[in-house]
């Protein structure tokens, strides 16, 4: 949880937004990817776009978020329908969902 995190592949902040997306995100008002609210907002914006584009195919959306749309499409063409990343995120979502459900029921 380092808002100033920067990967060797050009990904910034909590949501690890890649530099390749910076110009299009700036047009949506996300101009500082090291700002917590803007970074998370940009990540949510990107995820919503991908969910809308790919009809809610959660695994593919996660693959596209992580590897880019072209990378995810190439993986699918190669017969890869999930990645370590997509599996891990879906497992975390299940765990988090259970946590929230338990908190709401108590």
Protein backbone atom coordinates (compact mmCIF):
# COMPACT_ATOMS: atom_id res chain seq x y z
CA UNK A 1 0.00 0.00 0.00
CA UNK A 2 2.43 2.61 -1.28
CA UNK A 3 0.77 5.39 -3.24
CA UNK A 4 4.16 6.27 -4.74
CA UNK A 5 4.86 2.72 -5.90
CA UNK A 6 6.46 2.53 -9.33
CA UNK A 7 7.14 -0.74 -11.13
CA UNK A 8 9.98 -1.43 -13.53
CA UNK A 9 7.38 -1.69 -16.32
CA UNK A 10 5.98 1.83 -15.79
CA UNK A 11 3.05 1.17 -13.47
CA UNK A 12 2.17 3.77 -10.84
CA UNK A 13 0.38 3.91 -7.49
CA UNK A 14 -1.98 1.58 -5.68
CA UNK A 15 -3.77 0.41 -8.82
CA UNK A 16 -0.50 0.11 -10.78
CA UNK A 17 -1.74 2.19 -13.72
CA UNK A 18 0.58 1.78 -16.70
CA UNK A 19 2.06 4.84 -18.40
CA UNK A 20 0.48 3.77 -21.69
CA UNK A 21 -2.90 4.77 -20.21
CA UNK A 22 -1.81 8.16 -18.82
CA UNK A 23 -2.86 10.34 -21.76
CA UNK A 24 -6.35 8.86 -22.12
CA UNK A 25 -6.86 8.95 -18.34
CA UNK A 26 -5.73 12.58 -18.18
CA UNK A 27 -8.55 13.40 -20.62
CA UNK A 28 -10.92 11.94 -18.01
CA UNK A 29 -9.43 14.15 -15.28
CA UNK A 30 -6.94 11.67 -13.79
CA UNK A 31 -3.80 13.77 -14.07
CA UNK A 32 -1.81 12.69 -11.00
CA UNK A 33 -1.48 8.92 -10.79
CA UNK A 34 0.41 9.21 -7.50
CA UNK A 35 -2.58 10.92 -5.88
CA UNK A 36 -4.52 8.23 -3.98
CA UNK A 37 -8.02 9.29 -5.06
CA UNK A 38 -7.03 9.84 -8.68
CA UNK A 39 -5.12 6.57 -8.90
CA UNK A 40 -7.93 4.48 -7.45
CA UNK A 41 -10.46 6.46 -9.51
CA UNK A 42 -8.45 5.79 -12.67
CA UNK A 43 -8.24 2.08 -11.85
CA UNK A 44 -11.98 1.85 -11.23
CA UNK A 45 -12.63 3.80 -14.45
CA UNK A 46 -10.46 1.35 -16.39
CA UNK A 47 -12.11 -1.69 -14.79
CA UNK A 48 -15.60 -0.35 -15.57
CA UNK A 49 -14.58 0.29 -19.18
CA UNK A 50 -13.26 -3.27 -19.48
CA UNK A 51 -16.33 -4.79 -17.80
CA UNK A 52 -18.61 -2.86 -20.17
CA UNK A 53 -16.53 -3.77 -23.23
CA UNK A 54 -16.22 -7.46 -22.41
CA UNK A 55 -19.72 -8.07 -21.11
CA UNK A 56 -18.74 -8.76 -17.52
CA UNK A 57 -16.29 -11.58 -18.33
CA UNK A 58 -14.50 -11.10 -15.01
CA UNK A 59 -11.54 -13.36 -15.70
CA UNK A 60 -10.85 -11.74 -19.07
CA UNK A 61 -11.30 -8.26 -17.59
CA UNK A 62 -8.70 -9.04 -14.94
CA UNK A 63 -6.35 -10.46 -17.56
CA UNK A 64 -6.80 -7.33 -19.70
CA UNK A 65 -6.28 -5.03 -16.71
CA UNK A 66 -3.07 -6.85 -15.85
CA UNK A 67 -1.59 -7.63 -19.28
CA UNK A 68 -3.38 -5.07 -21.45
CA UNK A 69 -6.15 -5.88 -23.87
CA UNK A 70 -3.79 -7.09 -26.59
CA UNK A 71 -1.85 -9.26 -24.14
CA UNK A 72 -5.05 -10.80 -22.79
CA UNK A 73 -6.34 -11.45 -26.32
CA UNK A 74 -3.06 -13.14 -27.24
CA UNK A 75 -3.31 -15.32 -24.14
CA UNK A 76 -6.85 -16.34 -25.06
CA UNK A 77 -5.77 -17.12 -28.62
CA UNK A 78 -3.06 -19.35 -27.13
CA UNK A 79 -5.68 -21.21 -25.08
CA UNK A 80 -4.94 -19.47 -21.77
CA UNK A 81 -8.23 -18.62 -20.08
CA UNK A 82 -6.94 -17.56 -16.67
CA UNK A 83 -3.66 -16.37 -15.25
CA UNK A 84 -2.07 -16.49 -11.83
CA UNK A 85 -3.11 -12.84 -11.46
CA UNK A 86 -6.78 -13.40 -12.34
CA UNK A 87 -7.00 -16.45 -10.07
CA UNK A 88 -5.39 -14.59 -7.17
CA UNK A 89 -7.65 -11.56 -7.51
CA UNK A 90 -10.79 -13.71 -7.68
CA UNK A 91 -9.67 -15.63 -4.59
CA UNK A 92 -9.05 -12.37 -2.75
CA UNK A 93 -12.47 -11.11 -3.82
CA UNK A 94 -14.08 -14.24 -2.39
CA UNK A 95 -12.21 -13.81 0.88
CA UNK A 96 -13.09 -10.12 1.08
CA UNK A 97 -16.73 -10.82 0.24
CA UNK A 98 -16.92 -13.38 3.05
CA UNK A 99 -15.42 -10.86 5.45
CA UNK A 100 -18.00 -8.23 4.48
CA UNK A 101 -20.87 -10.73 4.67
CA UNK A 102 -19.77 -11.82 8.15
CA UNK A 103 -19.46 -8.22 9.34
CA UNK A 104 -22.95 -7.38 8.05
CA UNK A 105 -24.51 -10.41 9.71
CA UNK A 106 -23.05 -9.62 13.16
